N, C-alpha and C. Protein backbone atom coordinates (compact mmCIF):
# COMPACT_ATOMS: atom_id res chain seq x y z
N MET A 1 -7.21 -3.70 -11.44
CA MET A 1 -7.57 -4.47 -10.68
C MET A 1 -9.16 -3.83 -10.21
N LEU A 2 -9.60 -2.94 -10.51
CA LEU A 2 -10.96 -2.49 -10.82
C LEU A 2 -11.98 -3.37 -11.50
N GLY A 3 -11.36 -3.73 -12.51
CA GLY A 3 -12.07 -4.74 -13.44
C GLY A 3 -12.51 -4.24 -14.44
N PRO A 4 -12.88 -4.65 -15.52
CA PRO A 4 -13.32 -4.16 -16.91
C PRO A 4 -14.39 -3.00 -17.05
N ASP A 5 -15.29 -2.73 -16.19
CA ASP A 5 -16.11 -1.83 -16.29
C ASP A 5 -15.81 -0.54 -15.87
N PHE A 6 -14.60 -0.73 -15.42
CA PHE A 6 -13.97 0.93 -14.93
C PHE A 6 -13.01 1.17 -16.11
N SER A 7 -13.01 2.58 -16.27
CA SER A 7 -11.58 3.11 -17.10
C SER A 7 -10.71 4.02 -16.13
N VAL A 8 -9.73 3.43 -16.08
CA VAL A 8 -8.56 3.97 -15.10
C VAL A 8 -7.25 4.49 -15.91
N SER A 9 -6.53 5.70 -15.51
CA SER A 9 -5.37 6.26 -15.95
C SER A 9 -4.50 6.87 -14.77
N ASP A 10 -3.36 6.55 -14.69
CA ASP A 10 -2.47 6.71 -14.06
C ASP A 10 -1.99 8.43 -14.29
N LEU A 11 -1.07 8.76 -13.52
CA LEU A 11 -0.64 10.08 -13.49
C LEU A 11 0.38 10.45 -14.45
N SER A 12 0.69 9.17 -15.01
CA SER A 12 1.69 9.20 -16.03
C SER A 12 1.26 10.24 -17.32
N ARG A 13 -0.06 10.31 -17.45
CA ARG A 13 -0.42 10.89 -18.65
C ARG A 13 -0.77 12.47 -18.24
N HIS A 14 -0.24 12.54 -17.03
CA HIS A 14 -0.24 14.32 -16.43
C HIS A 14 1.02 14.59 -15.81
N PRO A 15 1.89 14.82 -16.73
CA PRO A 15 3.28 15.01 -16.36
C PRO A 15 3.13 16.69 -15.72
N GLU A 16 2.13 17.34 -15.93
CA GLU A 16 2.17 18.53 -15.33
C GLU A 16 2.18 18.58 -14.06
N ILE A 17 1.47 17.54 -13.49
CA ILE A 17 1.31 17.51 -11.81
C ILE A 17 2.42 16.87 -11.21
N SER A 18 2.75 17.72 -10.24
CA SER A 18 4.09 17.24 -9.41
C SER A 18 3.59 16.21 -8.54
N GLU A 19 4.56 15.55 -7.83
CA GLU A 19 4.76 14.67 -6.88
C GLU A 19 4.11 15.32 -5.58
N VAL A 20 3.18 14.91 -4.84
CA VAL A 20 2.73 15.26 -3.61
C VAL A 20 3.38 14.61 -2.54
N GLU A 21 3.67 15.85 -1.65
CA GLU A 21 4.63 15.29 -0.79
C GLU A 21 3.91 14.52 0.36
N GLU A 22 4.52 13.29 0.97
CA GLU A 22 3.72 12.61 2.26
C GLU A 22 4.19 13.25 3.20
N THR A 23 3.63 14.26 3.82
CA THR A 23 3.84 14.88 5.16
C THR A 23 3.13 14.40 6.41
N GLY A 24 2.01 13.42 6.17
CA GLY A 24 0.96 12.90 7.20
C GLY A 24 1.83 11.98 8.19
N ASN A 25 1.04 11.73 9.16
CA ASN A 25 1.42 10.82 10.20
C ASN A 25 0.75 9.68 10.08
N SER A 26 -0.17 9.11 8.94
CA SER A 26 -0.77 7.95 8.99
C SER A 26 -1.21 7.80 7.20
N PHE A 27 -1.18 6.75 6.98
CA PHE A 27 -1.58 6.33 5.49
C PHE A 27 -2.55 6.85 5.43
N GLU A 28 -3.88 6.99 6.06
CA GLU A 28 -4.89 8.00 5.52
C GLU A 28 -4.93 9.23 5.45
N GLU A 29 -3.59 10.03 6.18
CA GLU A 29 -3.58 11.38 6.02
C GLU A 29 -2.74 11.71 4.69
N ASN A 30 -1.66 10.46 4.22
CA ASN A 30 -0.94 10.84 3.01
C ASN A 30 -2.11 10.51 1.97
N ALA A 31 -2.61 9.76 1.96
CA ALA A 31 -3.72 9.36 0.84
C ALA A 31 -4.47 10.68 0.57
N ARG A 32 -4.96 11.27 1.85
CA ARG A 32 -6.00 12.36 1.65
C ARG A 32 -5.32 13.59 1.07
N LEU A 33 -3.86 13.67 1.29
CA LEU A 33 -3.22 14.80 0.93
C LEU A 33 -3.06 14.86 -0.62
N LYS A 34 -2.75 13.52 -1.13
CA LYS A 34 -2.29 13.08 -2.50
C LYS A 34 -3.89 13.25 -3.49
N ALA A 35 -5.19 12.94 -2.76
CA ALA A 35 -6.40 12.99 -3.49
C ALA A 35 -6.90 14.14 -3.66
N SER A 36 -6.50 15.35 -2.48
CA SER A 36 -6.93 16.41 -2.55
C SER A 36 -6.32 17.19 -3.67
N ALA A 37 -4.83 17.16 -3.42
CA ALA A 37 -4.03 17.91 -4.38
C ALA A 37 -4.14 17.53 -5.86
N VAL A 38 -4.60 16.35 -6.38
CA VAL A 38 -4.82 15.91 -7.61
C VAL A 38 -6.36 16.08 -8.05
N SER A 39 -6.92 16.24 -6.98
CA SER A 39 -8.45 15.93 -7.56
C SER A 39 -8.88 17.76 -7.97
N GLU A 40 -7.91 18.67 -7.30
CA GLU A 40 -8.06 19.78 -7.64
C GLU A 40 -7.49 20.55 -8.76
N LYS A 41 -6.87 19.33 -9.87
CA LYS A 41 -5.75 19.66 -10.69
C LYS A 41 -6.84 18.75 -12.20
N ILE A 42 -7.24 17.96 -11.69
CA ILE A 42 -7.80 16.69 -12.68
C ILE A 42 -9.40 16.73 -12.42
N PRO A 43 -10.06 17.05 -13.95
CA PRO A 43 -11.79 16.73 -13.11
C PRO A 43 -12.05 15.23 -13.04
N GLY A 44 -12.97 14.54 -12.61
CA GLY A 44 -13.53 13.63 -12.41
C GLY A 44 -13.26 12.85 -11.29
N LEU A 45 -13.05 11.51 -10.99
CA LEU A 45 -12.82 11.12 -9.78
C LEU A 45 -11.69 10.32 -9.55
N ILE A 46 -10.85 10.93 -8.58
CA ILE A 46 -9.44 10.75 -8.32
C ILE A 46 -9.13 9.61 -7.22
N VAL A 47 -8.74 8.34 -7.32
CA VAL A 47 -8.44 7.46 -6.14
C VAL A 47 -6.70 7.72 -5.89
N ALA A 48 -6.54 7.94 -4.62
CA ALA A 48 -5.18 8.10 -4.09
C ALA A 48 -4.96 6.98 -3.14
N ASP A 49 -3.82 6.64 -3.31
CA ASP A 49 -3.42 5.50 -2.40
C ASP A 49 -2.01 5.76 -1.43
N ASP A 50 -2.32 4.91 -0.29
CA ASP A 50 -1.18 5.15 0.63
C ASP A 50 -1.10 3.56 1.31
N SER A 51 0.00 3.08 1.25
CA SER A 51 0.02 1.82 2.08
C SER A 51 1.62 1.39 2.36
N GLY A 52 1.84 0.70 3.29
CA GLY A 52 3.06 0.16 3.87
C GLY A 52 2.91 -0.97 4.63
N LEU A 53 3.98 -1.25 5.10
CA LEU A 53 4.03 -2.70 6.02
C LEU A 53 4.48 -2.01 7.48
N GLU A 54 3.75 -2.87 8.51
CA GLU A 54 3.86 -2.56 10.03
C GLU A 54 4.19 -3.74 10.76
N VAL A 55 5.29 -3.58 11.43
CA VAL A 55 5.97 -4.49 12.36
C VAL A 55 5.96 -4.39 13.58
N ASP A 56 5.03 -5.25 14.42
CA ASP A 56 4.80 -5.06 15.71
C ASP A 56 6.01 -4.97 16.65
N SER A 57 6.82 -5.67 16.62
CA SER A 57 8.08 -6.05 17.05
C SER A 57 8.94 -4.45 17.04
N LEU A 58 8.80 -3.91 16.02
CA LEU A 58 9.39 -2.39 15.60
C LEU A 58 8.70 -1.11 16.03
N GLY A 59 7.82 -1.38 16.86
CA GLY A 59 6.49 -0.05 17.04
C GLY A 59 6.13 0.13 15.79
N GLY A 60 5.25 -0.48 14.85
CA GLY A 60 5.01 -0.30 13.91
C GLY A 60 5.67 0.07 12.71
N LYS A 61 6.88 0.09 12.55
CA LYS A 61 7.84 0.92 11.59
C LYS A 61 7.93 -0.49 10.61
N PRO A 62 8.19 -0.06 9.41
CA PRO A 62 8.53 1.13 8.83
C PRO A 62 7.11 2.03 8.49
N GLY A 63 5.99 1.43 8.44
CA GLY A 63 4.65 2.29 8.69
C GLY A 63 4.57 3.38 7.41
N VAL A 64 4.37 4.48 7.61
CA VAL A 64 4.18 5.48 6.43
C VAL A 64 5.66 5.97 5.88
N ARG A 65 6.68 5.41 6.80
CA ARG A 65 8.09 5.60 5.76
C ARG A 65 8.72 4.53 5.43
N SER A 66 7.85 3.21 4.90
CA SER A 66 8.07 2.14 4.03
C SER A 66 8.66 2.23 3.03
N ALA A 67 8.37 3.13 1.98
CA ALA A 67 9.05 3.32 0.74
C ALA A 67 10.48 3.83 1.14
N ARG A 68 10.65 4.72 2.42
CA ARG A 68 11.85 5.42 2.41
C ARG A 68 12.62 5.03 3.53
N TYR A 69 12.17 3.69 4.00
CA TYR A 69 12.38 3.28 5.53
C TYR A 69 14.31 3.19 5.43
N ALA A 70 15.02 2.94 4.49
CA ALA A 70 16.28 3.13 4.65
C ALA A 70 17.02 4.20 4.11
N GLY A 71 16.12 5.35 3.98
CA GLY A 71 16.64 6.77 3.53
C GLY A 71 15.82 7.25 2.24
N GLU A 72 15.97 8.29 2.04
CA GLU A 72 15.15 9.00 0.79
C GLU A 72 15.43 8.54 -0.79
N ALA A 73 16.38 8.11 -0.82
CA ALA A 73 16.95 7.57 -2.08
C ALA A 73 16.98 5.94 -2.17
N ALA A 74 16.59 5.42 -0.92
CA ALA A 74 16.86 3.89 -0.93
C ALA A 74 16.18 3.14 -1.90
N GLY A 75 15.91 1.90 -2.21
CA GLY A 75 15.30 1.08 -3.18
C GLY A 75 14.69 0.11 -1.99
N ASP A 76 13.91 -0.80 -2.88
CA ASP A 76 13.24 -2.00 -2.16
C ASP A 76 14.24 -3.09 -1.48
N VAL A 77 15.42 -3.04 -2.19
CA VAL A 77 16.62 -4.00 -1.59
C VAL A 77 17.09 -3.51 -0.25
N ALA A 78 17.42 -1.88 -0.38
CA ALA A 78 17.76 -1.33 1.19
C ALA A 78 16.64 -1.11 2.01
N ASN A 79 15.81 -1.46 1.92
CA ASN A 79 14.68 -1.38 2.33
C ASN A 79 14.35 -2.64 3.57
N ARG A 80 14.16 -3.49 2.45
CA ARG A 80 14.22 -4.97 3.05
C ARG A 80 15.63 -5.50 3.77
N ALA A 81 16.74 -5.09 3.47
CA ALA A 81 17.96 -5.31 4.51
C ALA A 81 17.86 -4.62 5.65
N LYS A 82 17.16 -3.57 5.46
CA LYS A 82 17.36 -2.49 6.99
C LYS A 82 16.19 -3.35 7.87
N LEU A 83 15.38 -3.57 7.37
CA LEU A 83 13.86 -4.30 7.82
C LEU A 83 14.69 -5.80 8.68
N LEU A 84 15.12 -6.51 7.93
CA LEU A 84 15.70 -7.81 8.27
C LEU A 84 16.97 -7.59 9.16
N GLN A 85 17.78 -6.75 9.13
CA GLN A 85 18.46 -6.38 10.04
C GLN A 85 18.24 -5.94 11.46
N ALA A 86 17.27 -5.24 11.15
CA ALA A 86 16.53 -4.38 12.80
C ALA A 86 15.99 -6.09 13.42
N LEU A 87 15.21 -6.88 12.42
CA LEU A 87 14.73 -7.99 13.67
C LEU A 87 15.71 -8.71 14.10
N ALA A 88 16.75 -9.03 13.23
CA ALA A 88 17.69 -9.84 13.37
C ALA A 88 18.43 -9.37 14.93
N ALA A 89 18.57 -8.27 15.14
CA ALA A 89 19.01 -7.46 16.18
C ALA A 89 18.29 -7.94 17.69
N LEU A 90 16.74 -8.32 17.24
CA LEU A 90 16.13 -8.81 18.11
C LEU A 90 16.27 -10.11 18.61
N PRO A 91 15.81 -10.41 19.90
CA PRO A 91 15.98 -11.81 20.23
C PRO A 91 15.19 -12.54 19.50
N LEU A 92 15.22 -14.03 19.02
CA LEU A 92 14.79 -14.64 18.35
C LEU A 92 13.19 -15.06 18.94
N SER A 93 12.98 -14.63 19.98
CA SER A 93 11.72 -15.31 20.59
C SER A 93 10.83 -14.30 20.29
N VAL A 94 11.16 -12.87 19.93
CA VAL A 94 10.40 -11.79 19.24
C VAL A 94 9.37 -12.03 18.43
N SER A 95 8.18 -11.75 18.58
CA SER A 95 7.04 -11.71 17.18
C SER A 95 7.80 -11.17 16.12
N ARG A 96 7.46 -11.87 14.84
CA ARG A 96 7.87 -11.26 13.56
C ARG A 96 6.54 -10.88 13.22
N GLN A 97 5.52 -10.74 13.98
CA GLN A 97 4.17 -10.46 13.09
C GLN A 97 4.11 -8.91 12.62
N ALA A 98 3.57 -9.03 11.69
CA ALA A 98 3.65 -7.70 10.51
C ALA A 98 2.06 -7.87 9.86
N ARG A 99 1.71 -6.58 9.33
CA ARG A 99 0.53 -6.55 8.68
C ARG A 99 0.90 -5.31 7.29
N PHE A 100 0.53 -5.35 6.20
CA PHE A 100 0.26 -4.82 5.31
C PHE A 100 -0.92 -4.02 5.16
N ARG A 101 -0.82 -2.69 5.22
CA ARG A 101 -2.20 -1.55 5.20
C ARG A 101 -2.12 -0.85 3.97
N CYS A 102 -3.12 -0.60 3.49
CA CYS A 102 -3.74 0.00 2.39
C CYS A 102 -4.79 1.19 2.63
N VAL A 103 -4.60 2.49 2.20
CA VAL A 103 -5.86 3.11 2.57
C VAL A 103 -5.98 3.94 1.11
N LEU A 104 -7.16 3.94 0.61
CA LEU A 104 -7.72 4.48 -0.70
C LEU A 104 -8.55 5.48 -0.44
N VAL A 105 -8.16 6.71 -0.76
CA VAL A 105 -9.12 7.99 -0.68
C VAL A 105 -9.92 8.47 -2.20
N LEU A 106 -11.22 8.36 -2.05
CA LEU A 106 -11.81 9.09 -3.35
C LEU A 106 -12.14 10.25 -3.33
N ALA A 107 -11.88 11.14 -4.18
CA ALA A 107 -12.12 12.71 -4.10
C ALA A 107 -12.32 13.17 -5.58
N MET A 108 -13.41 14.00 -5.54
CA MET A 108 -13.53 14.91 -6.61
C MET A 108 -13.62 16.32 -6.43
N ALA A 109 -12.76 17.02 -7.23
CA ALA A 109 -12.73 18.64 -7.14
C ALA A 109 -12.18 19.12 -5.56
N GLY A 110 -11.27 18.48 -5.16
CA GLY A 110 -10.86 18.84 -3.90
C GLY A 110 -11.57 18.25 -2.70
N LYS A 111 -12.69 17.45 -2.89
CA LYS A 111 -13.31 17.11 -1.97
C LYS A 111 -13.36 15.40 -1.51
N MET A 112 -13.21 15.32 -0.42
CA MET A 112 -13.05 13.56 -0.21
C MET A 112 -14.61 12.82 -0.21
N ILE A 113 -14.78 11.96 -0.73
CA ILE A 113 -15.95 11.29 -0.95
C ILE A 113 -15.89 10.08 0.03
N ALA A 114 -15.07 9.28 -0.01
CA ALA A 114 -15.24 7.86 0.88
C ALA A 114 -13.42 7.32 0.87
N THR A 115 -13.32 6.78 1.89
CA THR A 115 -11.95 6.06 2.68
C THR A 115 -12.46 4.58 2.39
N PHE A 116 -11.19 3.83 1.81
CA PHE A 116 -11.38 2.49 2.09
C PHE A 116 -10.10 1.83 2.71
N GLU A 117 -10.11 0.81 3.48
CA GLU A 117 -8.80 0.47 4.01
C GLU A 117 -8.53 -1.00 3.75
N GLY A 118 -7.66 -1.63 3.29
CA GLY A 118 -7.50 -3.31 3.57
C GLY A 118 -6.10 -3.45 4.47
N VAL A 119 -6.17 -4.34 5.30
CA VAL A 119 -5.09 -4.86 5.79
C VAL A 119 -5.11 -6.67 5.72
N VAL A 120 -3.85 -6.86 5.71
CA VAL A 120 -3.58 -8.59 5.41
C VAL A 120 -2.64 -8.43 6.65
N GLU A 121 -2.64 -9.60 7.70
CA GLU A 121 -1.89 -9.95 8.58
C GLU A 121 -1.10 -10.79 8.23
N GLY A 122 0.24 -10.80 8.76
CA GLY A 122 1.08 -11.76 8.45
C GLY A 122 2.29 -11.92 9.31
N ARG A 123 3.33 -12.23 8.60
CA ARG A 123 4.63 -12.16 9.72
C ARG A 123 5.78 -12.17 8.69
N ILE A 124 6.79 -11.80 9.20
CA ILE A 124 7.98 -11.53 8.20
C ILE A 124 8.91 -12.82 8.09
N ALA A 125 9.44 -13.16 7.15
CA ALA A 125 10.33 -14.28 6.83
C ALA A 125 11.83 -14.11 7.38
N ARG A 126 12.52 -14.68 7.59
CA ARG A 126 13.82 -14.81 7.96
C ARG A 126 14.98 -14.55 6.70
N GLN A 127 14.59 -14.77 5.58
CA GLN A 127 14.90 -14.63 4.61
C GLN A 127 14.14 -14.36 3.42
N GLU A 128 14.55 -13.47 2.08
CA GLU A 128 13.82 -13.53 1.33
C GLU A 128 13.45 -14.58 0.50
N GLU A 129 12.45 -14.63 -0.28
CA GLU A 129 12.05 -15.88 -1.03
C GLU A 129 11.24 -15.52 -1.90
N GLY A 130 11.34 -15.80 -3.37
CA GLY A 130 10.36 -15.18 -4.45
C GLY A 130 10.86 -14.16 -5.10
N SER A 131 10.39 -14.06 -6.40
CA SER A 131 11.12 -13.29 -7.48
C SER A 131 9.55 -12.07 -7.91
N ALA A 132 8.51 -12.41 -7.62
CA ALA A 132 7.57 -11.57 -8.14
C ALA A 132 7.17 -10.56 -7.09
N GLY A 133 6.52 -9.21 -7.44
CA GLY A 133 6.09 -8.50 -6.70
C GLY A 133 6.86 -7.41 -6.15
N PHE A 134 7.04 -6.46 -5.59
CA PHE A 134 7.77 -5.33 -5.16
C PHE A 134 7.70 -5.09 -3.89
N GLY A 135 8.48 -4.23 -3.59
CA GLY A 135 8.83 -3.67 -2.13
C GLY A 135 9.17 -4.85 -1.22
N TYR A 136 8.28 -5.15 0.12
CA TYR A 136 8.72 -5.84 0.96
C TYR A 136 8.04 -7.32 0.88
N ASP A 137 7.50 -7.50 -0.46
CA ASP A 137 7.17 -8.84 -0.84
C ASP A 137 7.56 -10.07 -0.60
N PRO A 138 9.04 -10.07 -1.09
CA PRO A 138 9.65 -11.32 -0.91
C PRO A 138 10.03 -11.74 1.01
N ILE A 139 9.94 -10.64 1.62
CA ILE A 139 9.87 -11.06 3.29
C ILE A 139 8.37 -11.14 3.88
N PHE A 140 7.37 -10.66 2.99
CA PHE A 140 5.94 -10.83 3.93
C PHE A 140 5.49 -12.23 3.70
N LEU A 141 5.13 -13.15 4.83
CA LEU A 141 4.22 -14.43 4.57
C LEU A 141 2.86 -13.89 5.13
N PRO A 142 1.65 -13.95 4.54
CA PRO A 142 0.75 -13.79 5.01
C PRO A 142 0.22 -14.99 5.69
N ASN A 143 -0.67 -14.56 6.65
CA ASN A 143 -1.17 -15.57 7.47
C ASN A 143 -1.93 -16.71 6.86
N GLU A 144 -1.93 -18.17 7.22
CA GLU A 144 -2.68 -19.15 6.68
C GLU A 144 -1.63 -19.60 5.34
N LEU A 145 -0.70 -19.03 5.05
CA LEU A 145 -0.04 -19.11 3.69
C LEU A 145 1.74 -19.44 4.16
N SER A 146 2.39 -20.23 3.62
CA SER A 146 3.74 -20.96 3.79
C SER A 146 4.70 -20.04 2.57
N ARG A 147 3.71 -19.19 1.65
CA ARG A 147 4.80 -18.37 0.64
C ARG A 147 4.69 -17.27 1.14
N THR A 148 5.72 -16.47 0.38
CA THR A 148 5.64 -15.10 0.71
C THR A 148 4.82 -14.41 -0.78
N PHE A 149 4.49 -12.91 -0.38
CA PHE A 149 3.91 -12.47 -1.64
C PHE A 149 4.50 -12.56 -2.56
N ALA A 150 5.76 -12.73 -2.73
CA ALA A 150 6.86 -12.59 -3.82
C ALA A 150 6.87 -13.74 -4.48
N GLN A 151 5.90 -14.89 -3.71
CA GLN A 151 6.23 -16.12 -4.20
C GLN A 151 4.78 -16.69 -5.16
N LEU A 152 3.89 -15.33 -5.00
CA LEU A 152 2.37 -15.97 -5.46
C LEU A 152 2.33 -15.14 -7.02
N SER A 153 1.40 -15.75 -7.39
CA SER A 153 1.17 -14.93 -9.06
C SER A 153 0.29 -13.91 -8.55
N ALA A 154 0.13 -12.73 -9.31
CA ALA A 154 -0.17 -11.69 -9.17
C ALA A 154 -1.70 -11.86 -9.01
N GLU A 155 -2.75 -12.73 -9.56
CA GLU A 155 -3.94 -13.00 -9.19
C GLU A 155 -4.26 -13.49 -7.56
N GLN A 156 -3.28 -14.55 -7.16
CA GLN A 156 -3.32 -15.14 -5.99
C GLN A 156 -3.05 -13.89 -4.90
N LYS A 157 -1.99 -12.83 -5.36
CA LYS A 157 -1.75 -12.30 -4.44
C LYS A 157 -2.79 -10.86 -4.19
N ASN A 158 -3.10 -10.53 -5.17
CA ASN A 158 -4.25 -9.67 -5.44
C ASN A 158 -5.98 -10.15 -4.74
N SER A 159 -6.35 -11.41 -4.52
CA SER A 159 -7.25 -11.68 -4.20
C SER A 159 -6.99 -11.77 -2.44
N ILE A 160 -5.96 -11.55 -1.69
CA ILE A 160 -5.88 -11.68 -0.50
C ILE A 160 -5.09 -10.50 0.10
N SER A 161 -4.39 -9.44 -0.55
CA SER A 161 -3.50 -8.61 -0.16
C SER A 161 -4.27 -7.39 0.20
N HIS A 162 -3.64 -6.47 1.09
CA HIS A 162 -4.42 -5.22 1.45
C HIS A 162 -4.90 -4.26 0.78
N ARG A 163 -4.01 -4.09 -0.71
CA ARG A 163 -4.61 -3.10 -1.99
C ARG A 163 -5.92 -3.78 -2.41
N GLY A 164 -5.59 -5.10 -2.91
CA GLY A 164 -6.77 -6.29 -3.15
C GLY A 164 -8.27 -6.05 -2.43
N ILE A 165 -8.00 -5.92 -0.94
CA ILE A 165 -8.92 -5.54 -0.21
C ILE A 165 -9.68 -4.41 -0.38
N ALA A 166 -9.00 -3.32 -0.16
CA ALA A 166 -9.12 -1.71 -0.58
C ALA A 166 -9.81 -1.45 -1.73
N VAL A 167 -9.25 -1.62 -3.02
CA VAL A 167 -9.97 -1.91 -4.12
C VAL A 167 -10.87 -2.84 -4.27
N ALA A 168 -11.31 -3.66 -3.46
CA ALA A 168 -12.93 -4.42 -4.07
C ALA A 168 -13.80 -3.50 -2.69
N GLN A 169 -13.48 -2.71 -1.98
CA GLN A 169 -14.54 -1.92 -0.99
C GLN A 169 -14.60 -0.65 -2.17
N LEU A 170 -13.93 -0.30 -2.76
CA LEU A 170 -13.84 0.99 -3.67
C LEU A 170 -14.44 0.43 -5.10
N ARG A 171 -14.50 -0.68 -5.30
CA ARG A 171 -15.47 -1.17 -6.70
C ARG A 171 -16.81 -1.43 -6.29
N ALA A 172 -16.96 -1.98 -5.02
CA ALA A 172 -18.42 -1.94 -4.72
C ALA A 172 -19.02 -0.55 -4.24
N PHE A 173 -18.35 0.13 -3.70
CA PHE A 173 -18.81 1.49 -3.34
C PHE A 173 -19.24 2.15 -5.08
N LEU A 174 -18.22 2.13 -5.92
CA LEU A 174 -18.61 2.73 -7.28
C LEU A 174 -19.94 2.31 -8.17
N GLU A 175 -19.76 0.80 -7.58
CA GLU A 175 -21.21 0.01 -8.44
C GLU A 175 -22.39 0.40 -7.54
N THR A 176 -22.67 0.89 -6.41
CA THR A 176 -23.53 1.26 -5.99
C THR A 176 -23.77 2.79 -5.71
N CYS A 177 -23.15 3.43 -6.27
CA CYS A 177 -23.50 4.89 -5.81
C CYS A 177 -23.25 6.04 -7.23
N GLN A 178 -24.10 6.72 -7.36
CA GLN A 178 -24.34 7.52 -8.56
C GLN A 178 -23.57 8.78 -8.38
N LEU A 179 -22.43 8.64 -8.93
CA LEU A 179 -21.48 9.72 -8.81
C LEU A 179 -21.20 10.67 -10.00
N GLY A 180 -21.35 11.83 -10.21
CA GLY A 180 -21.02 12.32 -11.33
C GLY A 180 -19.24 12.42 -11.75
N GLY A 181 -19.19 12.57 -13.02
CA GLY A 181 -17.63 13.01 -13.23
C GLY A 181 -17.32 11.89 -14.30
């Protein structure tokens, strides 16, 4: 998503680094925890992400627990089912307004350099539609569209998604700053 001018690798190239526990109370706190821990072990610039879905009528849930909403070992199908069940228990008149939020933290040598946030507003569909994407994509309808994220091509989704917005901010920052590493 950063484009051809950047060389990016993920942690699969570093099996010696264990997963960082997400103990923060916000997406930014979790991204900071991950960026700090990894940047202390790998030289150069490190980008960490934390993101999830916030549903207004559920008090912002699943929020930072998006990946574990239906339990620690639950997957995407169980998480979506729990969310749809929670909304089905509410009166039909209750808003299904929701948003995807992504926070990226750029760090080097354990120090935070910058934070970027992307948000896309939308609503939760009454049933799953589409087979692309992952997570809550089959039930998230971005505002101004009548299709879920799972019904969009990767290019369409990335151009409007929370992660796409945050990555665009990161790319602009990297293009204008002189950072070592």
